[in-house]
Every structure is written in C-alpha cells, then in structure tokens.
C-alpha cells in the first residue's frame, strides 16, 4: 500500500546564493521516501546513493513481509531463532520503550496486526474471541534474549517493528549523510522525518497534516537538526458502518486506539520519535504528553475530539493554519 506523506516540507523562498538541491524519491518500506540534499555534485550524489542503499538494507533485514528477513524467520520458528546484532539492538530498545510507556508501545503485536490485515486486500473487523486468542501470543514477557538468539515462550509470537523500524532506517541513512559531510538535508519516509542541520541559515518549515482534511496543513513547526514524526488514524484504515478501524492498536485490547486522531513528536532521533508517537497516540493527549516530556521530547497531540495539545517546549515554534 502506498501511504500518503503525513508531514510536509513546506517551500521556502529561494535566495540567489542557495545551491541547487539534490532530490530523489523511492518507494521503500511501504511508503514514499524522499531525500533532499541542499548541495549537489559527485560527492552529494554518492552520499544520496548510499543513504537509499542503507534504507533498502534495513528493509531487507527487518521487514516481516520478506521471507528471508530476521523477523520473518523468527515468526516462522516455533521456539526462536538467531538474528543479527542490529535486530537484537532494536528489539532491546523496543522492549525498553515498552516499559517506559507502560506497555503502550509493543513490538510483539504481529499476530494482532495479521488478524486485522488492515494493510492487506481484505481487512477484517476482529471478533472478541479472535482477539483473545491473538493477544495470548503477544507481550514482551513472552520472549527472552540469549546471546544472539531470541527465544519465544509462545510459538506464534510475532515481532513487528512497524512502530520503530522506519525511524531507525531514517536515522541510519542520516548517519551516512553526516559521515559524508552533508550539512543540510532532509529525509522524509511517509511521516518519519529527519532534518540534518537547518535550511541554509533558516529553520525547516514542517507542515503537520490535518487528520480530518486530506492534504490540508493544520500547523507548521519550525525545526532544525532533529527528527519529527507523526502517527495518525488517517494513515492506514478502513471503515465499516461508519466506524474507522486504523492500524494503531491498543496493546491492552488489540483494537484500534480511540484516544487520539494524530500525534506529532519532535525528538533527537527518528527511531525514538517513531515509537513515542505510537505510544502517545495509544495513551491519549494528557498521558501521552507526560510521556513525551519524561523522555525529553515535544509534540502536538490531537485528541479524539479534535482538540490539540502542544507540549510547552514546542509552543513558540508552532504556527497554526
């Protein structure tokens, strides 16, 4: 499924001194990935190639849809499997974020996501009985890490990095760009946005999509050298009898969380912002904003009734449309 961009890099007035940007778009990790470098030339071209290659590598390693990936092999094994050190590190970080969020971020909801099949051709409204069975196969307490092996304590447990892998891939691409000497750039992977530096002496202007008006900008954030990530109930969903069923599940119930419409998080790295956006969405604006502040992040949280809440550290950087 091709996902719409949840954050927009709004155009800025060009100056004669600005170098021509180098920009490329590819379809990766189920979304549109756009990388923009505010410089050009052979070194910039090579850095851009390397950044996209790194994101393709992460996709091959961690996409549950690819049969040779670490997560697919682990899902197919009844007792567990050896995985790469990189996958283990991200799993450990995911478990840490699970504990920090009181369980609102859960990397083990693979069976629940498979049951609903929201990204598939035949999405399904799960029954209470189906959810009870699926939830018995979920939970970070049902796995163990021994060396480079993940041990499954229930045979059908499936790890899903949908709430963190895209952010991690963006971070890895950004690290390669920085290593290559790129000082001003943006990476946008369908709502997971990493900014390298500023926009040639000006902040980047990030448009946050209105969750109920497709293509409309709700607010603009001034940002530089940080990550901005949005999770929303309008990204992947289907409707039955006027009820919207989206992909952001409450781990406590296995059902789409109903406390938020969207959450935009500003943090130092995209993987953390990605996971915190999911957790804060599940928690709702009040509890979600407390989690963000505890983790040194900021955000715009839109409640189920459309009421926005902005964390204190972000208020002076937001312009409402």
Protein backbone atom coordinates (compact mmCIF):
# COMPACT_ATOMS: atom_id res chain seq x y z
CA UNK A 1 0.00 0.00 0.00
CA UNK A 2 1.31 3.43 -0.94
CA UNK A 3 1.00 5.74 2.05
CA UNK A 4 0.48 9.48 1.84
CA UNK A 5 3.03 11.76 3.47
CA UNK A 6 1.93 12.78 6.95
CA UNK A 7 4.39 15.67 7.21
CA UNK A 8 5.21 18.22 4.57
CA UNK A 9 8.42 20.14 3.98
CA UNK A 10 6.91 23.48 3.08
CA UNK A 11 8.68 25.51 0.41
CA UNK A 12 10.85 28.42 1.42
CA UNK A 13 11.71 31.45 -0.64
CA UNK A 14 14.87 30.77 -2.65
CA UNK A 15 17.90 33.06 -2.44
CA UNK A 16 20.37 33.53 -5.27
CA UNK A 17 23.12 32.22 -3.00
CA UNK A 18 21.29 28.93 -2.34
CA UNK A 19 22.89 25.90 -4.07
CA UNK A 20 20.59 23.81 -6.27
CA UNK A 21 19.13 20.96 -4.18
CA UNK A 22 19.66 17.33 -4.99
CA UNK A 23 16.45 15.35 -4.50
CA UNK A 24 15.30 11.78 -5.10
CA UNK A 25 12.19 9.76 -4.28
CA UNK A 26 11.84 5.98 -3.95
CA UNK A 27 9.19 3.57 -2.71
CA UNK A 28 10.64 1.77 0.32
CA UNK A 29 9.27 0.15 3.48
CA UNK A 30 5.71 0.53 2.21
CA UNK A 31 5.89 4.30 1.79
CA UNK A 32 7.36 7.12 -0.25
CA UNK A 33 10.87 8.06 0.85
CA UNK A 34 12.15 11.45 -0.25
CA UNK A 35 15.69 12.61 0.46
CA UNK A 36 16.71 16.20 -0.24
CA UNK A 37 20.31 17.47 0.00
CA UNK A 38 20.89 21.21 -0.13
CA UNK A 39 24.03 20.70 -2.17
CA UNK A 40 24.96 18.92 -5.35
CA UNK A 41 27.95 17.41 -7.12
CA UNK A 42 29.55 13.95 -7.29
CA UNK A 43 30.09 13.60 -3.52
CA UNK A 44 26.49 14.51 -2.80
CA UNK A 45 25.28 12.04 -5.45
CA UNK A 46 27.36 9.26 -3.88
CA UNK A 47 26.05 10.11 -0.41
CA UNK A 48 22.47 10.04 -1.69
CA UNK A 49 23.03 6.63 -3.28
CA UNK A 50 24.49 5.30 -0.04
CA UNK A 51 21.57 6.63 2.02
CA UNK A 52 18.98 4.88 -0.12
CA UNK A 53 21.06 1.68 -0.19
CA UNK A 54 21.19 1.71 3.61
CA UNK A 55 17.41 2.04 3.88
CA UNK A 56 16.96 -0.85 1.43
CA UNK A 57 19.32 -2.92 3.59
CA UNK A 58 17.26 -2.23 6.73
CA UNK A 59 14.09 -3.16 4.87
CA UNK A 60 15.61 -6.49 3.82
CA UNK A 61 16.70 -7.15 7.39
CA UNK A 62 13.57 -6.17 9.29
CA UNK A 63 10.50 -6.29 7.05
CA UNK A 64 8.16 -9.10 8.22
CA UNK A 65 6.83 -9.35 4.65
CA UNK A 66 10.19 -10.52 3.26
CA UNK A 67 10.69 -14.26 3.94
CA UNK A 68 14.46 -14.01 4.43
CA UNK A 69 14.32 -11.15 6.96
CA UNK A 70 15.18 -11.66 10.61
CA UNK A 71 11.58 -11.01 11.67
CA UNK A 72 10.05 -13.40 9.13
CA UNK A 73 12.46 -16.19 10.11
CA UNK A 74 11.71 -15.57 13.77
CA UNK A 75 7.94 -15.66 13.14
CA UNK A 76 8.25 -18.97 11.29
CA UNK A 77 10.27 -20.61 14.07
CA UNK A 78 8.24 -22.14 16.89
CA UNK A 79 10.87 -21.70 19.60
CA UNK A 80 13.02 -18.84 18.39
CA UNK A 81 15.89 -18.04 16.06
CA UNK A 82 19.25 -16.36 15.80
CA UNK A 83 19.06 -12.82 14.47
CA UNK A 84 21.56 -10.10 13.62
CA UNK A 85 23.15 -7.92 16.28
CA UNK A 86 21.38 -4.95 14.69
CA UNK A 87 17.94 -6.55 15.02
CA UNK A 88 18.72 -7.53 18.61
CA UNK A 89 19.72 -3.97 19.46
CA UNK A 90 16.48 -2.58 18.05
CA UNK A 91 14.48 -5.25 19.87
CA UNK A 92 16.17 -4.32 23.15
CA UNK A 93 15.38 -0.65 22.51
CA UNK A 94 11.76 -1.58 21.70
CA UNK A 95 11.42 -3.53 24.95
CA UNK A 96 12.87 -0.58 26.86
CA UNK A 97 10.32 1.75 25.25
CA UNK A 98 7.58 -0.75 26.07
CA UNK A 99 8.48 -0.48 29.76
CA UNK A 100 8.88 3.31 29.66
CA UNK A 101 5.42 3.72 28.06
CA UNK A 102 3.64 1.34 30.43
CA UNK A 103 3.07 -1.10 27.57
CA UNK A 104 1.56 1.43 25.13
CA UNK A 105 4.37 0.71 22.66
CA UNK A 106 4.52 -3.02 21.98
CA UNK A 107 6.78 -4.65 19.36
CA UNK A 108 5.06 -8.05 19.73
CA UNK A 109 1.67 -7.27 18.16
CA UNK A 110 2.40 -9.16 14.96
CA UNK A 111 -0.48 -11.63 15.49
CA UNK A 112 -2.94 -8.81 16.17
CA UNK A 113 -1.86 -6.93 13.04
CA UNK A 114 -2.11 -10.11 10.98
CA UNK A 115 -5.62 -10.72 12.33
CA UNK A 116 -6.94 -7.29 11.30
CA UNK A 117 -4.97 -7.27 7.99
CA UNK A 118 -5.50 -3.53 7.64
CA UNK A 119 -2.71 -3.23 5.08
CA UNK A 120 -3.94 -6.24 3.09
CA UNK A 121 -6.55 -6.73 0.42
CA UNK A 122 -9.23 -8.00 2.83
CA UNK A 123 -9.16 -6.07 6.12
CA UNK A 124 -11.20 -7.73 8.81
CA UNK A 125 -13.02 -6.50 11.94
CA UNK A 126 -11.67 -8.87 14.58
CA UNK A 127 -14.08 -10.55 16.95
CA UNK A 128 -13.62 -10.65 20.72
CA UNK A 129 -12.78 -14.36 20.59
CA UNK A 130 -10.22 -13.85 17.83
CA UNK A 131 -8.58 -11.05 19.79
CA UNK A 132 -8.36 -13.13 22.95
CA UNK A 133 -6.52 -15.86 21.03
CA UNK A 134 -4.22 -13.38 19.29
CA UNK A 135 -3.35 -11.48 22.47
CA UNK A 136 -2.25 -14.72 24.13
CA UNK A 137 0.54 -14.75 21.53
CA UNK A 138 1.65 -11.18 22.30
CA UNK A 139 3.66 -9.47 25.05
CA UNK A 140 7.32 -8.70 25.70
CA UNK A 141 7.13 -11.03 28.72
CA UNK A 142 6.72 -13.91 26.25
CA UNK A 143 10.21 -13.63 24.79
CA UNK A 144 13.76 -13.91 26.06
CA UNK A 145 17.12 -12.92 24.59
CA UNK A 146 20.04 -15.30 24.99
CA UNK A 147 23.18 -14.24 23.21
CA UNK A 148 22.17 -13.55 19.62
CA UNK A 149 19.08 -15.75 19.85
CA UNK A 150 15.51 -14.64 20.53
CA UNK A 151 13.61 -17.28 22.49
CA UNK A 152 9.84 -17.40 22.02
CA UNK A 153 7.92 -18.62 25.06
CA UNK A 154 4.76 -18.96 22.93
CA UNK A 155 5.12 -20.48 19.46
CA UNK A 156 3.06 -17.97 17.46
CA UNK A 157 4.58 -14.78 18.83
CA UNK A 158 5.49 -12.38 16.01
CA UNK A 159 7.70 -9.34 16.44
CA UNK A 160 6.67 -6.36 14.35
CA UNK A 161 8.87 -3.26 14.14
CA UNK A 162 6.20 -1.21 12.35
CA UNK A 163 6.40 1.44 15.06
CA UNK A 164 10.17 1.88 15.04
CA UNK A 165 11.98 0.33 12.02
CA UNK A 166 11.13 3.14 9.60
CA UNK A 167 12.50 5.69 12.04
CA UNK A 168 15.59 3.56 12.57
CA UNK A 169 16.17 3.32 8.81
CA UNK A 170 15.86 7.10 8.51
CA UNK A 171 18.41 7.53 11.31
CA UNK A 172 20.85 5.15 9.63
CA UNK A 173 20.52 6.99 6.31
CA UNK A 174 21.06 10.28 8.13
CA UNK A 175 24.20 8.96 9.83
CA UNK A 176 25.69 8.08 6.43
CA UNK A 177 24.88 11.52 5.05
CA UNK A 178 26.53 13.22 8.01
CA UNK A 179 29.58 10.98 7.70
CA UNK A 180 29.85 12.04 4.05
CA UNK A 181 29.96 15.69 5.08
CA UNK A 182 26.36 16.59 4.23
CA UNK A 183 25.40 19.52 6.48
CA UNK A 184 21.89 20.44 5.28
CA UNK A 185 19.43 17.72 4.29
CA UNK A 186 16.06 16.15 4.97
CA UNK A 187 14.85 12.56 4.88
CA UNK A 188 11.08 12.01 4.82
CA UNK A 189 9.71 8.47 4.95
CA UNK A 190 5.95 8.88 4.94
CA UNK A 191 5.77 10.89 8.14
CA UNK A 192 9.13 9.93 9.66
CA UNK A 193 11.26 13.00 9.05
CA UNK A 194 14.91 13.59 9.94
CA UNK A 195 16.45 17.02 9.46
CA UNK A 196 20.20 17.45 9.16
CA UNK A 197 21.19 20.98 10.09
CA UNK A 198 18.96 23.87 9.12
CA UNK A 199 17.83 25.21 5.76
CA UNK A 200 20.88 27.30 4.95
CA UNK A 201 20.54 29.59 7.95
CA UNK A 202 16.76 29.30 8.22
CA UNK A 203 14.66 26.67 10.01
CA UNK A 204 12.90 23.99 8.05
CA UNK A 205 9.14 24.56 7.96
CA UNK A 206 7.29 21.31 8.69
CA UNK A 207 3.60 21.14 7.86
CA UNK A 208 1.52 18.82 10.05
CA UNK A 209 -1.41 17.29 8.20
CA UNK A 210 -4.95 17.90 9.43
CA UNK A 211 -6.16 14.42 10.43
CA UNK A 212 -9.66 15.05 9.06
CA UNK A 213 -8.88 17.17 5.97
CA UNK A 214 -6.72 15.24 3.48
CA UNK A 215 -3.87 17.36 2.13
CA UNK A 216 -4.63 20.30 4.44
CA UNK A 217 -1.97 21.68 6.79
CA UNK A 218 -3.11 22.04 10.40
CA UNK A 219 0.06 23.60 11.83
CA UNK A 220 3.63 24.47 10.88
CA UNK A 221 6.63 23.60 13.04
CA UNK A 222 9.95 25.43 12.76
CA UNK A 223 12.66 22.76 13.13
CA UNK A 224 16.36 22.14 12.62
CA UNK A 225 18.75 19.23 13.21
CA UNK A 226 16.13 16.93 14.79
CA UNK A 227 13.50 14.33 13.98
CA UNK A 228 9.79 15.00 13.50
CA UNK A 229 7.43 12.01 13.29
CA UNK A 230 3.64 11.78 13.01
CA UNK A 231 1.32 8.85 13.72
CA UNK A 232 -2.33 9.25 12.77
CA UNK A 233 -5.55 7.30 12.44
CA UNK A 234 -5.88 8.51 8.83
CA UNK A 235 -2.70 6.86 7.60
CA UNK A 236 -3.92 3.27 7.19
CA UNK A 237 -7.55 2.46 7.89
CA UNK A 238 -10.81 1.06 6.59
CA UNK A 239 -14.40 1.86 7.52
CA UNK A 240 -17.37 -0.39 8.27
CA UNK A 241 -20.79 1.09 9.07
CA UNK A 242 -19.23 4.49 9.59
CA UNK A 243 -16.61 3.24 12.08
CA UNK A 244 -12.94 3.87 11.29
CA UNK A 245 -10.60 0.94 12.01
CA UNK A 246 -6.97 2.05 11.83
CA UNK A 247 -3.55 0.46 12.31
CA UNK A 248 -2.56 1.94 15.69
CA UNK A 249 -3.63 -0.76 18.12
CA UNK A 250 -4.02 -0.52 21.87
CA UNK A 251 -1.94 -3.46 23.19
CA UNK A 252 -4.35 -3.86 26.11
CA UNK A 253 -7.32 -4.64 23.86
CA UNK A 254 -5.93 -5.49 20.43
CA UNK A 255 -8.33 -2.94 18.96
CA UNK A 256 -7.58 0.42 17.30
CA UNK A 257 -6.94 3.01 19.99
CA UNK A 258 -9.68 5.63 20.25
CA UNK A 259 -7.95 8.31 22.35
CA UNK A 260 -6.29 10.30 19.55
CA UNK A 261 -6.51 11.40 15.95
CA UNK A 262 -2.83 12.14 15.46
CA UNK A 263 0.39 12.72 17.37
CA UNK A 264 3.44 14.57 16.05
CA UNK A 265 6.65 14.12 18.05
CA UNK A 266 9.85 16.17 17.88
CA UNK A 267 12.90 14.33 19.27
CA UNK A 268 16.62 13.97 18.73
CA UNK A 269 16.34 10.79 16.62
CA UNK A 270 13.66 9.34 14.38
CA UNK A 271 13.50 5.85 15.92
CA UNK A 272 12.66 7.26 19.34
CA UNK A 273 10.23 9.79 17.86
CA UNK A 274 8.58 6.99 15.86
CA UNK A 275 7.99 4.79 18.90
CA UNK A 276 6.93 7.69 21.13
CA UNK A 277 4.40 8.87 18.53
CA UNK A 278 2.78 5.42 18.56
CA UNK A 279 2.82 5.19 22.36
CA UNK A 280 1.47 8.71 22.87
CA UNK A 281 -1.30 8.06 20.35
CA UNK A 282 -2.39 4.99 22.32
CA UNK A 283 -2.17 6.81 25.66
CA UNK A 284 -4.09 9.89 24.54
CA UNK A 285 -3.09 13.57 24.77
CA UNK A 286 -2.76 14.02 28.54
CA UNK A 287 -0.85 10.82 29.36
CA UNK A 288 0.94 10.96 26.01
CA UNK A 289 2.26 14.47 26.63
CA UNK A 290 3.57 13.38 30.03
CA UNK A 291 5.44 10.51 28.38
CA UNK A 292 6.98 12.88 25.82
CA UNK A 293 8.18 15.29 28.49
CA UNK A 294 9.61 12.42 30.55
CA UNK A 295 11.65 11.33 27.50
CA UNK A 296 12.86 14.82 26.60
CA UNK A 297 10.62 15.07 23.53
CA UNK A 298 8.00 17.59 22.42
CA UNK A 299 4.82 17.19 20.46
CA UNK A 300 1.44 18.17 19.09
CA UNK A 301 -1.26 15.73 20.22
CA UNK A 302 -4.71 15.85 18.63
CA UNK A 303 -7.36 14.21 20.80
CA UNK A 304 -10.24 12.05 19.66
CA UNK A 305 -12.49 15.12 19.65
CA UNK A 306 -10.03 17.14 17.55
CA UNK A 307 -8.72 19.27 20.43
CA UNK A 308 -4.96 19.94 20.13
CA UNK A 309 -2.48 19.81 22.99
CA UNK A 310 1.02 21.24 22.49
CA UNK A 311 3.85 20.49 24.90
CA UNK A 312 5.37 23.62 26.49
CA UNK A 313 8.74 23.40 24.75
CA UNK A 314 7.14 23.45 21.30
CA UNK A 315 4.56 26.22 21.67
CA UNK A 316 6.83 29.03 20.45
CA UNK A 317 7.78 27.00 17.36
CA UNK A 318 4.25 26.21 16.12
CA UNK A 319 2.16 28.36 13.78
CA UNK A 320 -1.49 27.31 13.38
CA UNK A 321 -3.14 27.47 9.97
